[in-house]
Protein backbone atom coordinates (compact mmCIF):
# COMPACT_ATOMS: atom_id res chain seq x y z
CA MET A 1 -0.71 -51.79 105.29
CA GLU A 2 -4.82 -51.44 107.12
CA ASP A 3 -6.03 -54.08 109.67
CA GLN A 4 -8.63 -54.81 107.30
CA ALA A 5 -6.58 -55.91 104.11
CA SER A 6 -4.00 -57.50 106.26
CA GLU A 7 -6.34 -59.86 107.37
CA THR A 8 -7.58 -60.38 103.78
CA CYS A 9 -3.58 -60.82 103.29
CA LYS A 10 -3.91 -63.82 105.48
CA ALA A 11 -7.12 -65.58 104.16
CA LEU A 12 -5.25 -65.36 100.98
CA VAL A 13 -2.50 -66.75 102.13
CA GLU A 14 -4.24 -69.63 104.09
CA ARG A 15 -5.53 -70.69 99.78
CA LEU A 16 -2.32 -70.10 98.69
CA ARG A 17 -0.96 -72.69 100.76
CA ARG A 18 -3.74 -74.95 100.20
CA ALA A 19 -3.62 -74.96 96.44
CA SER A 20 -2.42 -77.64 94.06
CA SER A 21 -1.69 -74.98 91.64
CA VAL A 22 -1.35 -71.29 90.94
CA CYS A 23 -1.28 -69.59 88.37
CA ALA A 24 -0.30 -65.30 87.80
CA LEU A 25 -0.71 -63.32 84.80
CA THR A 26 1.18 -59.68 85.27
CA GLY A 27 0.85 -57.02 82.39
CA ALA A 28 2.07 -53.28 82.34
CA GLY A 29 1.58 -51.98 85.87
CA VAL A 30 3.67 -54.38 87.54
CA SER A 31 7.13 -52.77 85.59
CA LYS A 32 5.59 -49.20 85.83
CA GLU A 33 6.25 -49.81 89.43
CA SER A 34 9.90 -49.78 88.23
CA GLY A 35 9.73 -46.95 86.52
CA VAL A 36 9.10 -48.88 82.83
CA PRO A 37 7.81 -46.43 80.36
CA THR A 38 4.68 -47.64 79.12
CA PHE A 39 4.51 -48.80 75.71
CA ARG A 40 2.57 -45.65 74.33
CA GLU A 41 5.39 -43.41 76.40
CA ALA A 42 7.81 -41.40 74.39
CA ASP A 43 9.23 -37.94 73.82
CA GLY A 44 11.61 -35.90 71.22
CA LEU A 45 10.87 -37.48 67.63
CA TRP A 46 8.87 -40.34 68.50
CA ASN A 47 5.98 -38.14 69.69
CA ARG A 48 5.46 -38.20 65.90
CA PHE A 49 4.84 -41.52 65.44
CA ARG A 50 1.80 -43.87 66.58
CA PRO A 51 3.26 -47.31 68.08
CA GLU A 52 1.42 -49.41 65.48
CA GLU A 53 3.18 -47.16 62.96
CA LEU A 54 6.46 -48.54 64.09
CA ALA A 55 5.77 -52.05 65.72
CA ASN A 56 4.85 -53.82 62.47
CA VAL A 57 6.43 -56.19 60.12
CA GLU A 58 5.45 -53.59 57.20
CA ALA A 59 7.11 -50.81 58.88
CA PHE A 60 10.09 -53.03 59.19
CA ILE A 61 10.33 -54.19 55.88
CA ARG A 62 9.69 -50.63 54.64
CA ASN A 63 12.21 -49.04 56.82
CA PRO A 64 13.85 -51.36 59.62
CA THR A 65 16.41 -48.52 59.97
CA LEU A 66 13.26 -46.19 61.69
CA VAL A 67 12.08 -49.64 63.49
CA TRP A 68 15.54 -50.51 64.57
CA GLU A 69 16.34 -47.23 65.84
CA TRP A 70 12.76 -46.87 67.80
CA TYR A 71 13.44 -49.95 69.65
CA SER A 72 17.08 -49.52 70.51
CA TRP A 73 15.85 -45.88 71.71
CA ARG A 74 13.47 -48.28 74.25
CA ARG A 75 16.08 -51.00 74.99
CA GLU A 76 17.80 -47.75 76.32
CA LEU A 77 15.11 -46.37 78.33
CA MET A 78 14.86 -50.37 79.90
CA SER A 79 18.46 -50.97 80.79
CA ARG A 80 18.32 -47.93 82.91
CA VAL A 81 15.04 -49.45 85.42
CA GLN A 82 15.56 -52.72 87.33
CA PRO A 83 12.87 -55.01 88.86
CA ASN A 84 11.18 -54.01 92.29
CA ALA A 85 9.59 -55.52 95.46
CA GLY A 86 6.57 -56.85 93.28
CA HIS A 87 9.30 -58.58 90.63
CA TYR A 88 11.11 -60.45 93.32
CA ALA A 89 8.58 -61.60 95.32
CA LEU A 90 7.09 -63.27 92.11
CA ALA A 91 10.55 -65.02 91.63
CA GLU A 92 9.88 -66.42 95.35
CA LEU A 93 6.60 -67.86 94.64
CA SER A 94 7.61 -70.62 92.53
CA SER A 95 9.73 -71.73 95.50
CA LEU A 96 6.92 -71.53 98.63
CA LEU A 97 4.43 -73.39 96.41
CA LYS A 98 3.23 -76.57 95.35
CA SER A 99 3.41 -75.54 91.59
CA PHE A 100 3.63 -71.98 90.28
CA THR A 101 3.12 -70.77 87.04
CA LEU A 102 4.09 -66.99 85.95
CA ILE A 103 2.80 -65.67 82.57
CA THR A 104 3.16 -62.45 81.49
CA GLN A 105 2.28 -59.76 78.60
CA ASN A 106 5.31 -57.35 79.62
CA VAL A 107 8.89 -57.49 76.85
CA ASP A 108 11.13 -55.82 79.30
CA ASN A 109 12.97 -58.85 80.79
CA LEU A 110 12.23 -57.89 84.65
CA HIS A 111 11.12 -61.23 85.56
CA ARG A 112 13.91 -63.20 84.21
CA GLN A 113 16.43 -60.60 86.08
CA ALA A 114 14.76 -60.92 88.90
CA GLY A 115 15.00 -64.92 89.46
CA SER A 116 11.98 -66.15 87.69
CA LYS A 117 12.48 -69.21 85.97
CA ASP A 118 10.81 -70.56 83.13
CA VAL A 119 8.42 -67.62 82.28
CA ILE A 120 5.87 -67.91 79.86
CA GLU A 121 6.67 -64.59 77.38
CA LEU A 122 3.18 -63.82 75.40
CA HIS A 123 4.54 -60.65 74.16
CA GLY A 124 8.03 -62.07 73.83
CA ASN A 125 10.90 -59.85 75.34
CA ILE A 126 12.17 -56.71 73.77
CA GLN A 127 16.30 -58.23 74.74
CA ARG A 128 16.24 -60.86 72.38
CA ASN A 129 16.54 -60.67 68.81
CA LYS A 130 15.28 -63.32 66.34
CA CYS A 131 15.27 -63.55 62.04
CA GLN A 132 12.47 -62.08 60.18
CA GLU A 133 13.33 -64.74 57.27
CA CYS A 134 14.47 -68.00 59.01
CA LYS A 135 12.85 -67.31 62.97
CA THR A 136 16.29 -68.53 64.51
CA VAL A 137 16.15 -66.80 67.92
CA TYR A 138 19.12 -65.62 70.14
CA LEU A 139 19.26 -64.80 73.67
CA PRO A 140 20.39 -61.60 75.01
CA ASP A 141 23.81 -62.55 76.30
CA ASP A 142 24.51 -64.30 72.54
CA SER A 143 27.61 -62.64 71.57
CA ARG A 144 26.86 -63.34 67.71
CA THR A 145 24.24 -60.98 68.23
CA ARG A 146 25.34 -58.32 70.44
CA PHE A 147 25.18 -55.18 68.35
CA GLU A 148 24.74 -51.50 69.09
CA PHE A 149 22.59 -50.04 66.98
CA ARG A 150 24.11 -47.03 64.18
CA LYS A 151 22.29 -45.68 60.92
CA GLY A 152 23.42 -47.58 58.20
CA GLN A 153 24.37 -50.60 60.40
CA LEU A 154 21.35 -53.30 60.65
CA PRO A 155 22.30 -56.70 62.35
CA HIS A 156 22.05 -59.71 59.75
CA CYS A 157 21.16 -63.10 61.25
CA PRO A 158 24.33 -65.25 61.44
CA GLU A 159 22.40 -68.56 61.32
CA CYS A 160 20.88 -68.09 57.72
CA ASN A 161 23.24 -65.43 56.97
CA THR A 162 20.53 -63.74 54.80
CA GLY A 163 17.58 -62.30 56.92
CA LEU A 164 17.60 -59.33 58.72
CA LEU A 165 17.34 -59.31 62.42
CA ARG A 166 14.36 -58.35 64.33
CA PRO A 167 13.44 -57.67 68.22
CA ASP A 168 11.76 -60.65 69.33
CA VAL A 169 8.53 -59.16 70.34
CA VAL A 170 4.67 -59.69 69.00
CA TRP A 171 3.84 -56.65 67.02
CA PHE A 172 0.82 -55.17 65.65
CA GLY A 173 -1.21 -58.35 63.26
CA GLU A 174 1.01 -61.16 64.41
CA MET A 175 -0.06 -64.14 65.82
CA LEU A 176 1.68 -64.64 70.05
CA PRO A 177 3.74 -67.51 70.14
CA GLU A 178 1.77 -70.99 70.02
CA ASP A 179 3.09 -73.01 72.39
CA ALA A 180 2.98 -69.84 74.72
CA ILE A 181 -0.42 -69.38 74.48
CA THR A 182 -1.36 -73.07 74.68
CA GLN A 183 0.76 -73.46 77.79
CA SER A 184 -0.92 -70.09 79.44
CA TRP A 185 -4.26 -71.34 78.81
CA GLU A 186 -3.05 -75.42 80.35
CA ALA A 187 -2.20 -73.48 83.60
CA ALA A 188 -4.90 -71.53 83.66
CA GLU A 189 -7.54 -74.29 83.04
CA ARG A 190 -5.79 -76.79 85.63
CA CYS A 191 -5.14 -73.90 88.33
CA ASP A 192 -7.01 -73.39 91.62
CA LEU A 193 -5.65 -69.79 91.89
CA PHE A 194 -5.44 -67.28 89.75
CA LEU A 195 -3.81 -63.98 90.63
CA SER A 196 -4.23 -61.17 88.41
CA ILE A 197 -1.60 -58.40 88.42
CA GLY A 198 -1.32 -55.21 86.88
CA THR A 199 -2.79 -55.47 84.18
CA SER A 200 -6.06 -53.63 82.62
CA ALA A 201 -7.28 -56.92 81.52
CA VAL A 202 -8.86 -55.53 77.98
CA VAL A 203 -5.94 -57.34 75.81
CA TYR A 204 -7.28 -60.38 73.80
CA PRO A 205 -6.36 -63.47 74.22
CA ALA A 206 -4.30 -62.65 77.53
CA ALA A 207 -7.36 -60.93 78.69
CA ALA A 208 -8.96 -64.32 78.92
CA LEU A 209 -7.08 -66.27 81.06
CA PRO A 210 -8.68 -64.86 84.31
CA GLN A 211 -11.69 -66.13 82.65
CA VAL A 212 -10.89 -69.52 81.77
CA ALA A 213 -9.13 -70.31 85.06
CA GLN A 214 -12.10 -68.99 86.97
CA ALA A 215 -14.64 -70.96 84.31
CA SER A 216 -12.59 -73.83 85.67
CA GLY A 217 -12.97 -73.78 89.37
CA ALA A 218 -10.10 -71.31 89.94
CA PHE A 219 -10.50 -68.73 92.83
CA LEU A 220 -9.74 -65.73 91.20
CA VAL A 221 -7.28 -62.85 92.91
CA GLU A 222 -7.09 -59.29 91.15
CA ILE A 223 -4.01 -56.93 92.73
CA ASN A 224 -3.89 -53.80 90.73
CA PRO A 225 -4.61 -50.14 91.96
CA GLN A 226 -6.74 -49.20 88.99
CA VAL A 227 -10.31 -50.81 89.05
CA THR A 228 -10.61 -52.67 85.91
CA GLU A 229 -13.11 -54.85 83.82
CA LEU A 230 -12.05 -57.61 85.59
CA SER A 231 -12.68 -56.09 89.23
CA GLY A 232 -16.14 -57.27 89.33
CA LYS A 233 -15.67 -60.33 88.13
CA ALA A 234 -12.47 -61.13 90.99
CA ASP A 235 -13.66 -63.45 94.09
CA LEU A 236 -10.95 -61.03 95.78
CA SER A 237 -9.54 -57.70 94.64
CA PHE A 238 -6.59 -55.44 96.21
CA ARG A 239 -6.56 -51.66 95.17
CA GLU A 240 -2.84 -51.55 96.60
CA PRO A 241 0.33 -51.62 93.73
CA SER A 242 1.80 -55.20 93.32
CA GLY A 243 5.07 -54.03 94.78
CA GLU A 244 3.43 -54.12 98.33
CA ILE A 245 0.78 -56.76 98.87
CA LEU A 246 3.09 -59.54 97.12
CA PRO A 247 5.83 -59.05 99.42
CA THR A 248 2.97 -59.39 102.22
CA LEU A 249 2.13 -62.76 101.06
CA VAL A 250 5.67 -63.98 100.59
CA ASN A 251 6.20 -62.88 103.83
CA LEU A 252 3.49 -64.45 105.62
CA LEU A 253 4.30 -67.85 103.30
CA LYS A 254 7.44 -67.88 104.66
CA GLU A 255 6.46 -67.44 108.31
CA GLN A 256 3.56 -70.51 108.06
CA ALA A 257 6.51 -72.51 106.19
């Protein structure tokens, strides 16, 4: 890391140490460093479909087999990747700061695999299932809903025995989970330092969170190799990957602990 960036990290660490509350929002860029394919990446059969044609309730009702085939394929891809240094650094921050809230737009479960607790998942978690009818949510390790998808064998809810199970993710046209967005808004309003990490800052309502924090007096930091719409508004920007910057911040915090 260049000397100037190193000095900037040290200055940020001082702010982190003094902060009474820190909030972080992560996007696809964080998981891309692990090799997670983006939502719109596909090959073979799936090149014939737009994500909007598969990730919505109407598509599921019309052809649940097709939708489950797609999500089973996506789950298989994600099962091959592991958390990266950025994920692990964020997990460590919770024990190094006075108060830390982690919000993610990612559905890949990598934050939890890295050890983060109480992650606010705005768009759900692709490893969980939920019933389309009674809305019961099943954790990834729930043996009652663990299955390998096969054509003609759609999974049904063991709670109501009638509804079809679906991935517990937010589809096009659906509202974000009310409790998740409420918790996120409250965390953004009360924090005095906000980290926007690996997100393009264009998908609302998540994209509004950095602005909510800044309007409430928080110091706004962006960590993203790419320039985004948030870059011109941030108080501080890093153009390095989160897998490089975050471990540096964590190590500096440990040194000063």
